[in-house]
């Protein structure tokens, strides 16, 4: 069983890693991956214009929602597609 302190530390480190990986220098190493996002966990607006902000996804696995991932990762995830 994971204790709360260890869990929170892991979450904080993960968020920090995401922030660092989304810098302009690393942007070329990232790709938009569609179809794998959980509801409320998308990175930005959807493909068809239903919303324009992060966290606006209303259902899991919507083919119009995307999340930024390191290049080459999307193709390894079941349901992940590079273009919506």
PDB file of N, CA and C in Angstrom:
ATOM      1  N   UNK A   1       0.841  -1.184   0.000  1.00  0.00           N
ATOM      2  CA  UNK A   1       0.000   0.000   0.000  1.00  0.00           C
ATOM      3  C   UNK A   1       0.886   1.246   0.000  1.00  0.00           C
ATOM      4  N   UNK A   2       0.573   2.186  -0.845  1.00  0.00           N
ATOM      5  CA  UNK A   2       1.339   3.427  -0.952  1.00  0.00           C
ATOM      6  C   UNK A   2       0.798   4.423   0.073  1.00  0.00           C
ATOM      7  N   UNK A   3       1.714   5.014   0.847  1.00  0.00           N
ATOM      8  CA  UNK A   3       1.218   6.012   1.801  1.00  0.00           C
ATOM      9  C   UNK A   3       0.966   7.341   1.093  1.00  0.00           C
ATOM     10  N   UNK A   4       0.212   8.193   1.732  1.00  0.00           N
ATOM     11  CA  UNK A   4      -0.209   9.461   1.119  1.00  0.00           C
ATOM     12  C   UNK A   4       0.966  10.372   0.788  1.00  0.00           C
ATOM     13  N   UNK A   5       1.968  10.419   1.668  1.00  0.00           N
ATOM     14  CA  UNK A   5       3.114  11.294   1.436  1.00  0.00           C
ATOM     15  C   UNK A   5       3.883  10.863   0.179  1.00  0.00           C
ATOM     16  N   UNK A   6       4.090   9.560   0.021  1.00  0.00           N
ATOM     17  CA  UNK A   6       4.789   9.040  -1.157  1.00  0.00           C
ATOM     18  C   UNK A   6       3.984   9.315  -2.417  1.00  0.00           C
ATOM     19  N   UNK A   7       2.677   9.114  -2.342  1.00  0.00           N
ATOM     20  CA  UNK A   7       1.803   9.354  -3.486  1.00  0.00           C
ATOM     21  C   UNK A   7       1.845  10.822  -3.900  1.00  0.00           C
ATOM     22  N   UNK A   8       1.692  11.726  -2.935  1.00  0.00           N
ATOM     23  CA  UNK A   8       1.700  13.161  -3.252  1.00  0.00           C
ATOM     24  C   UNK A   8       3.049  13.591  -3.817  1.00  0.00           C
ATOM     25  N   UNK A   9       4.129  13.050  -3.283  1.00  0.00           N
ATOM     26  CA  UNK A   9       5.460  13.378  -3.814  1.00  0.00           C
ATOM     27  C   UNK A   9       5.576  12.940  -5.265  1.00  0.00           C
ATOM     28  N   UNK A  10       5.059  11.759  -5.572  1.00  0.00           N
ATOM     29  CA  UNK A  10       5.094  11.258  -6.946  1.00  0.00           C
ATOM     30  C   UNK A  10       4.295  12.145  -7.881  1.00  0.00           C
ATOM     31  N   UNK A  11       3.136  12.581  -7.445  1.00  0.00           N
ATOM     32  CA  UNK A  11       2.287  13.452  -8.260  1.00  0.00           C
ATOM     33  C   UNK A  11       2.984  14.778  -8.515  1.00  0.00           C
ATOM     34  N   UNK A  12       3.574  15.357  -7.492  1.00  0.00           N
ATOM     35  CA  UNK A  12       4.269  16.647  -7.646  1.00  0.00           C
ATOM     36  C   UNK A  12       5.445  16.507  -8.601  1.00  0.00           C
ATOM     37  N   UNK A  13       6.213  15.442  -8.472  1.00  0.00           N
ATOM     38  CA  UNK A  13       7.335  15.221  -9.396  1.00  0.00           C
ATOM     39  C   UNK A  13       6.850  15.029 -10.827  1.00  0.00           C
ATOM     40  N   UNK A  14       5.745  14.326 -10.999  1.00  0.00           N
ATOM     41  CA  UNK A  14       5.185  14.109 -12.331  1.00  0.00           C
ATOM     42  C   UNK A  14       4.751  15.406 -12.978  1.00  0.00           C
ATOM     43  N   UNK A  15       4.088  16.258 -12.204  1.00  0.00           N
ATOM     44  CA  UNK A  15       3.642  17.555 -12.726  1.00  0.00           C
ATOM     45  C   UNK A  15       4.849  18.400 -13.109  1.00  0.00           C
ATOM     46  N   UNK A  16       5.885  18.362 -12.290  1.00  0.00           N
ATOM     47  CA  UNK A  16       7.114  19.105 -12.611  1.00  0.00           C
ATOM     48  C   UNK A  16       7.749  18.609 -13.893  1.00  0.00           C
ATOM     49  N   UNK A  17       7.766  17.300 -14.086  1.00  0.00           N
ATOM     50  CA  UNK A  17       8.341  16.730 -15.311  1.00  0.00           C
ATOM     51  C   UNK A  17       7.547  17.151 -16.526  1.00  0.00           C
ATOM     52  N   UNK A  18       6.237  17.192 -16.403  1.00  0.00           N
ATOM     53  CA  UNK A  18       5.390  17.630 -17.516  1.00  0.00           C
ATOM     54  C   UNK A  18       5.664  19.088 -17.837  1.00  0.00           C
ATOM     55  N   UNK A  19       5.778  19.919 -16.817  1.00  0.00           N
ATOM     56  CA  UNK A  19       6.048  21.345 -17.042  1.00  0.00           C
ATOM     57  C   UNK A  19       7.374  21.531 -17.758  1.00  0.00           C
ATOM     58  N   UNK A  20       8.393  20.802 -17.344  1.00  0.00           N
ATOM     59  CA  UNK A  20       9.688  20.916 -18.000  1.00  0.00           C
ATOM     60  C   UNK A  20       9.656  20.394 -19.430  1.00  0.00           C
ATOM     61  N   UNK A  21       8.914  19.324 -19.649  1.00  0.00           N
ATOM     62  CA  UNK A  21       8.883  18.735 -20.989  1.00  0.00           C
ATOM     63  C   UNK A  21       8.078  19.565 -21.966  1.00  0.00           C
ATOM     64  N   UNK A  22       7.269  20.493 -21.484  1.00  0.00           N
ATOM     65  CA  UNK A  22       6.460  21.308 -22.385  1.00  0.00           C
ATOM     66  C   UNK A  22       7.121  22.644 -22.713  1.00  0.00           C
ATOM     67  N   UNK A  23       8.409  22.802 -22.374  1.00  0.00           N
ATOM     68  CA  UNK A  23       9.119  24.021 -22.724  1.00  0.00           C
ATOM     69  C   UNK A  23       9.313  24.082 -24.239  1.00  0.00           C
ATOM     70  N   UNK A  24       9.513  25.283 -24.800  1.00  0.00           N
ATOM     71  CA  UNK A  24       9.689  25.417 -26.251  1.00  0.00           C
ATOM     72  C   UNK A  24      10.809  24.544 -26.818  1.00  0.00           C
ATOM     73  N   UNK A  25      11.879  24.360 -26.080  1.00  0.00           N
ATOM     74  CA  UNK A  25      12.989  23.550 -26.564  1.00  0.00           C
ATOM     75  C   UNK A  25      12.576  22.092 -26.723  1.00  0.00           C
ATOM     76  N   UNK A  26      11.664  21.644 -25.892  1.00  0.00           N
ATOM     77  CA  UNK A  26      11.222  20.253 -25.953  1.00  0.00           C
ATOM     78  C   UNK A  26       9.965  20.063 -26.789  1.00  0.00           C
ATOM     79  N   UNK A  27       9.362  21.146 -27.246  1.00  0.00           N
ATOM     80  CA  UNK A  27       8.105  21.055 -28.002  1.00  0.00           C
ATOM     81  C   UNK A  27       8.258  20.209 -29.266  1.00  0.00           C
ATOM     82  N   UNK A  28       9.420  20.261 -29.888  1.00  0.00           N
ATOM     83  CA  UNK A  28       9.643  19.481 -31.111  1.00  0.00           C
ATOM     84  C   UNK A  28       9.745  17.989 -30.817  1.00  0.00           C
ATOM     85  N   UNK A  29       9.918  17.647 -29.565  1.00  0.00           N
ATOM     86  CA  UNK A  29      10.037  16.246 -29.172  1.00  0.00           C
ATOM     87  C   UNK A  29       8.691  15.679 -28.715  1.00  0.00           C
ATOM     88  N   UNK A  30       7.638  16.473 -28.842  1.00  0.00           N
ATOM     89  CA  UNK A  30       6.310  16.070 -28.382  1.00  0.00           C
ATOM     90  C   UNK A  30       5.364  15.923 -29.574  1.00  0.00           C
ATOM     91  N   UNK A  31       4.289  15.154 -29.375  1.00  0.00           N
ATOM     92  CA  UNK A  31       3.273  14.993 -30.415  1.00  0.00           C
ATOM     93  C   UNK A  31       1.894  14.941 -29.762  1.00  0.00           C
ATOM     94  N   UNK A  32       0.899  15.390 -30.514  1.00  0.00           N
ATOM     95  CA  UNK A  32      -0.480  15.305 -30.046  1.00  0.00           C
ATOM     96  C   UNK A  32      -0.984  13.884 -30.286  1.00  0.00           C
ATOM     97  N   UNK A  33      -1.504  13.280 -29.228  1.00  0.00           N
ATOM     98  CA  UNK A  33      -2.038  11.927 -29.331  1.00  0.00           C
ATOM     99  C   UNK A  33      -3.540  11.990 -29.054  1.00  0.00           C
ATOM    100  N   UNK A  34      -4.319  11.603 -30.045  1.00  0.00           N
ATOM    101  CA  UNK A  34      -5.781  11.651 -29.964  1.00  0.00           C
ATOM    102  C   UNK A  34      -6.356  10.298 -29.560  1.00  0.00           C
ATOM    103  N   UNK A  35      -7.532  10.336 -28.943  1.00  0.00           N
ATOM    104  CA  UNK A  35      -8.298   9.121 -28.690  1.00  0.00           C
ATOM    105  C   UNK A  35      -7.981   8.376 -27.409  1.00  0.00           C
ATOM    106  N   UNK A  36      -7.059   8.869 -26.599  1.00  0.00           N
ATOM    107  CA  UNK A  36      -6.701   8.143 -25.380  1.00  0.00           C
ATOM    108  C   UNK A  36      -6.997   8.924 -24.106  1.00  0.00           C
ATOM    109  N   UNK A  37      -7.523  10.115 -24.244  1.00  0.00           N
ATOM    110  CA  UNK A  37      -7.703  11.013 -23.108  1.00  0.00           C
ATOM    111  C   UNK A  37      -8.879  10.578 -22.231  1.00  0.00           C
ATOM    112  N   UNK A  38      -8.673  10.648 -20.927  1.00  0.00           N
ATOM    113  CA  UNK A  38      -9.757  10.442 -19.965  1.00  0.00           C
ATOM    114  C   UNK A  38     -10.550  11.740 -19.877  1.00  0.00           C
ATOM    115  N   UNK A  39     -11.819  11.641 -19.533  1.00  0.00           N
ATOM    116  CA  UNK A  39     -12.670  12.827 -19.379  1.00  0.00           C
ATOM    117  C   UNK A  39     -12.003  13.810 -18.418  1.00  0.00           C
ATOM    118  N   UNK A  40     -11.919  15.073 -18.844  1.00  0.00           N
ATOM    119  CA  UNK A  40     -11.346  16.127 -18.018  1.00  0.00           C
ATOM    120  C   UNK A  40      -9.829  16.160 -17.977  1.00  0.00           C
ATOM    121  N   UNK A  41      -9.158  15.332 -18.756  1.00  0.00           N
ATOM    122  CA  UNK A  41      -7.695  15.248 -18.706  1.00  0.00           C
ATOM    123  C   UNK A  41      -7.010  15.658 -20.000  1.00  0.00           C
ATOM    124  N   UNK A  42      -7.736  16.292 -20.919  1.00  0.00           N
ATOM    125  CA  UNK A  42      -7.133  16.722 -22.189  1.00  0.00           C
ATOM    126  C   UNK A  42      -6.209  17.908 -21.971  1.00  0.00           C
ATOM    127  N   UNK A  43      -5.290  18.127 -22.926  1.00  0.00           N
ATOM    128  CA  UNK A  43      -4.327  19.216 -22.795  1.00  0.00           C
ATOM    129  C   UNK A  43      -4.828  20.555 -23.309  1.00  0.00           C
ATOM    130  N   UNK A  44      -5.690  20.584 -24.287  1.00  0.00           N
ATOM    131  CA  UNK A  44      -6.177  21.853 -24.810  1.00  0.00           C
ATOM    132  C   UNK A  44      -7.488  21.623 -25.544  1.00  0.00           C
ATOM    133  N   UNK A  45      -7.890  22.570 -26.388  1.00  0.00           N
ATOM    134  CA  UNK A  45      -9.156  22.475 -27.110  1.00  0.00           C
ATOM    135  C   UNK A  45      -9.262  21.235 -27.978  1.00  0.00           C
ATOM    136  N   UNK A  46     -10.485  20.830 -28.264  1.00  0.00           N
ATOM    137  CA  UNK A  46     -10.682  19.635 -29.078  1.00  0.00           C
ATOM    138  C   UNK A  46     -10.614  19.955 -30.563  1.00  0.00           C
ATOM    139  N   UNK A  47     -10.633  18.934 -31.365  1.00  0.00           N
ATOM    140  CA  UNK A  47     -10.470  19.053 -32.813  1.00  0.00           C
ATOM    141  C   UNK A  47     -11.646  19.735 -33.493  1.00  0.00           C
ATOM    142  N   UNK A  48     -12.849  19.559 -32.966  1.00  0.00           N
ATOM    143  CA  UNK A  48     -14.045  20.076 -33.630  1.00  0.00           C
ATOM    144  C   UNK A  48     -14.599  21.354 -33.004  1.00  0.00           C
ATOM    145  N   UNK A  49     -13.931  21.907 -32.005  1.00  0.00           N
ATOM    146  CA  UNK A  49     -14.321  23.195 -31.445  1.00  0.00           C
ATOM    147  C   UNK A  49     -15.431  23.169 -30.399  1.00  0.00           C
ATOM    148  N   UNK A  50     -15.654  22.039 -29.737  1.00  0.00           N
ATOM    149  CA  UNK A  50     -16.665  21.984 -28.683  1.00  0.00           C
ATOM    150  C   UNK A  50     -16.226  22.777 -27.456  1.00  0.00           C
ATOM    151  N   UNK A  51     -14.927  22.886 -27.250  1.00  0.00           N
ATOM    152  CA  UNK A  51     -14.371  23.669 -26.143  1.00  0.00           C
ATOM    153  C   UNK A  51     -12.970  24.127 -26.536  1.00  0.00           C
ATOM    154  N   UNK A  52     -12.445  25.088 -25.777  1.00  0.00           N
ATOM    155  CA  UNK A  52     -11.137  25.635 -26.143  1.00  0.00           C
ATOM    156  C   UNK A  52     -10.144  25.608 -24.986  1.00  0.00           C
ATOM    157  N   UNK A  53     -10.385  24.750 -24.009  1.00  0.00           N
ATOM    158  CA  UNK A  53      -9.479  24.765 -22.868  1.00  0.00           C
ATOM    159  C   UNK A  53      -9.114  23.361 -22.401  1.00  0.00           C
ATOM    160  N   UNK A  54      -8.022  23.301 -21.655  1.00  0.00           N
ATOM    161  CA  UNK A  54      -7.598  22.036 -21.057  1.00  0.00           C
ATOM    162  C   UNK A  54      -8.642  21.593 -20.044  1.00  0.00           C
ATOM    163  N   UNK A  55      -8.831  20.300 -19.944  1.00  0.00           N
ATOM    164  CA  UNK A  55      -9.779  19.763 -18.977  1.00  0.00           C
ATOM    165  C   UNK A  55     -11.218  19.785 -19.442  1.00  0.00           C
ATOM    166  N   UNK A  56     -11.464  20.112 -20.700  1.00  0.00           N
ATOM    167  CA  UNK A  56     -12.825  20.223 -21.213  1.00  0.00           C
ATOM    168  C   UNK A  56     -13.401  18.939 -21.786  1.00  0.00           C
ATOM    169  N   UNK A  57     -12.622  17.878 -21.850  1.00  0.00           N
ATOM    170  CA  UNK A  57     -13.111  16.606 -22.394  1.00  0.00           C
ATOM    171  C   UNK A  57     -14.229  16.060 -21.502  1.00  0.00           C
ATOM    172  N   UNK A  58     -15.316  15.629 -22.128  1.00  0.00           N
ATOM    173  CA  UNK A  58     -16.464  15.162 -21.353  1.00  0.00           C
ATOM    174  C   UNK A  58     -16.621  13.654 -21.329  1.00  0.00           C
ATOM    175  N   UNK A  59     -15.849  12.936 -22.166  1.00  0.00           N
ATOM    176  CA  UNK A  59     -15.931  11.474 -22.136  1.00  0.00           C
ATOM    177  C   UNK A  59     -14.564  10.855 -22.410  1.00  0.00           C
ATOM    178  N   UNK A  60     -14.369   9.660 -21.903  1.00  0.00           N
ATOM    179  CA  UNK A  60     -13.118   8.935 -22.109  1.00  0.00           C
ATOM    180  C   UNK A  60     -12.988   8.490 -23.564  1.00  0.00           C
ATOM    181  N   UNK A  61     -11.764   8.567 -24.102  1.00  0.00           N
ATOM    182  CA  UNK A  61     -11.465   8.019 -25.421  1.00  0.00           C
ATOM    183  C   UNK A  61     -12.037   8.771 -26.609  1.00  0.00           C
ATOM    184  N   UNK A  62     -12.453  10.012 -26.429  1.00  0.00           N
ATOM    185  CA  UNK A  62     -13.002  10.802 -27.538  1.00  0.00           C
ATOM    186  C   UNK A  62     -11.905  11.012 -28.591  1.00  0.00           C
ATOM    187  N   UNK A  63     -12.190  10.667 -29.826  1.00  0.00           N
ATOM    188  CA  UNK A  63     -11.214  10.764 -30.918  1.00  0.00           C
ATOM    189  C   UNK A  63     -10.836  12.209 -31.251  1.00  0.00           C
ATOM    190  N   UNK A  64     -11.586  13.193 -30.737  1.00  0.00           N
ATOM    191  CA  UNK A  64     -11.301  14.600 -30.999  1.00  0.00           C
ATOM    192  C   UNK A  64     -10.462  15.259 -29.905  1.00  0.00           C
ATOM    193  N   UNK A  65     -10.207  14.551 -28.826  1.00  0.00           N
ATOM    194  CA  UNK A  65      -9.441  15.095 -27.699  1.00  0.00           C
ATOM    195  C   UNK A  65      -8.004  14.590 -27.767  1.00  0.00           C
ATOM    196  N   UNK A  66      -7.068  15.433 -27.315  1.00  0.00           N
ATOM    197  CA  UNK A  66      -5.667  15.055 -27.398  1.00  0.00           C
ATOM    198  C   UNK A  66      -4.903  15.390 -26.131  1.00  0.00           C
ATOM    199  N   UNK A  67      -3.744  14.764 -26.027  1.00  0.00           N
ATOM    200  CA  UNK A  67      -2.797  15.014 -24.946  1.00  0.00           C
ATOM    201  C   UNK A  67      -1.398  14.992 -25.561  1.00  0.00           C
ATOM    202  N   UNK A  68      -0.501  15.860 -25.080  1.00  0.00           N
ATOM    203  CA  UNK A  68       0.880  15.871 -25.578  1.00  0.00           C
ATOM    204  C   UNK A  68       1.677  14.744 -24.938  1.00  0.00           C
ATOM    205  N   UNK A  69       2.368  14.006 -25.768  1.00  0.00           N
ATOM    206  CA  UNK A  69       3.215  12.907 -25.310  1.00  0.00           C
ATOM    207  C   UNK A  69       4.561  12.982 -26.015  1.00  0.00           C
ATOM    208  N   UNK A  70       5.586  12.388 -25.445  1.00  0.00           N
ATOM    209  CA  UNK A  70       6.875  12.323 -26.153  1.00  0.00           C
ATOM    210  C   UNK A  70       6.698  11.585 -27.480  1.00  0.00           C
ATOM    211  N   UNK A  71       7.389  12.075 -28.514  1.00  0.00           N
ATOM    212  CA  UNK A  71       7.284  11.453 -29.838  1.00  0.00           C
ATOM    213  C   UNK A  71       7.567   9.957 -29.766  1.00  0.00           C
ATOM    214  N   UNK A  72       6.752   9.194 -30.488  1.00  0.00           N
ATOM    215  CA  UNK A  72       6.899   7.752 -30.531  1.00  0.00           C
ATOM    216  C   UNK A  72       6.069   7.007 -29.501  1.00  0.00           C
ATOM    217  N   UNK A  73       5.506   7.732 -28.539  1.00  0.00           N
ATOM    218  CA  UNK A  73       4.735   7.097 -27.470  1.00  0.00           C
ATOM    219  C   UNK A  73       3.312   6.789 -27.907  1.00  0.00           C
ATOM    220  N   UNK A  74       2.687   7.656 -28.653  1.00  0.00           N
ATOM    221  CA  UNK A  74       1.280   7.507 -29.032  1.00  0.00           C
ATOM    222  C   UNK A  74       1.019   6.190 -29.753  1.00  0.00           C
ATOM    223  N   UNK A  75       1.896   5.846 -30.667  1.00  0.00           N
ATOM    224  CA  UNK A  75       1.711   4.613 -31.435  1.00  0.00           C
ATOM    225  C   UNK A  75       1.828   3.355 -30.584  1.00  0.00           C
ATOM    226  N   UNK A  76       2.356   3.485 -29.378  1.00  0.00           N
ATOM    227  CA  UNK A  76       2.503   2.336 -28.482  1.00  0.00           C
ATOM    228  C   UNK A  76       1.283   2.143 -27.581  1.00  0.00           C
ATOM    229  N   UNK A  77       0.350   3.080 -27.616  1.00  0.00           N
ATOM    230  CA  UNK A  77      -0.817   3.041 -26.735  1.00  0.00           C
ATOM    231  C   UNK A  77      -2.029   2.582 -27.535  1.00  0.00           C
ATOM    232  N   UNK A  78      -2.736   1.594 -27.024  1.00  0.00           N
ATOM    233  CA  UNK A  78      -3.929   1.086 -27.689  1.00  0.00           C
ATOM    234  C   UNK A  78      -4.950   2.222 -27.827  1.00  0.00           C
ATOM    235  N   UNK A  79      -5.407   2.477 -29.037  1.00  0.00           N
ATOM    236  CA  UNK A  79      -6.381   3.527 -29.293  1.00  0.00           C
ATOM    237  C   UNK A  79      -5.766   4.880 -29.615  1.00  0.00           C
ATOM    238  N   UNK A  80      -4.459   5.019 -29.452  1.00  0.00           N
ATOM    239  CA  UNK A  80      -3.783   6.286 -29.729  1.00  0.00           C
ATOM    240  C   UNK A  80      -3.616   6.509 -31.220  1.00  0.00           C
ATOM    241  N   UNK A  81      -3.993   7.704 -31.690  1.00  0.00           N
ATOM    242  CA  UNK A  81      -3.815   8.068 -33.089  1.00  0.00           C
ATOM    243  C   UNK A  81      -3.160   9.439 -33.165  1.00  0.00           C
ATOM    244  N   UNK A  82      -2.314   9.645 -34.159  1.00  0.00           N
ATOM    245  CA  UNK A  82      -1.551  10.892 -34.256  1.00  0.00           C
ATOM    246  C   UNK A  82      -2.352  12.030 -34.869  1.00  0.00           C
ATOM    247  N   UNK A  83      -3.321  11.764 -35.695  1.00  0.00           N
ATOM    248  CA  UNK A  83      -4.139  12.819 -36.288  1.00  0.00           C
ATOM    249  C   UNK A  83      -5.589  12.516 -36.024  1.00  0.00           C
ATOM    250  N   UNK A  84      -6.315  13.536 -35.547  1.00  0.00           N
ATOM    251  CA  UNK A  84      -7.721  13.350 -35.223  1.00  0.00           C
ATOM    252  C   UNK A  84      -8.596  13.335 -36.450  1.00  0.00           C
TER     253      UNK A  84
END
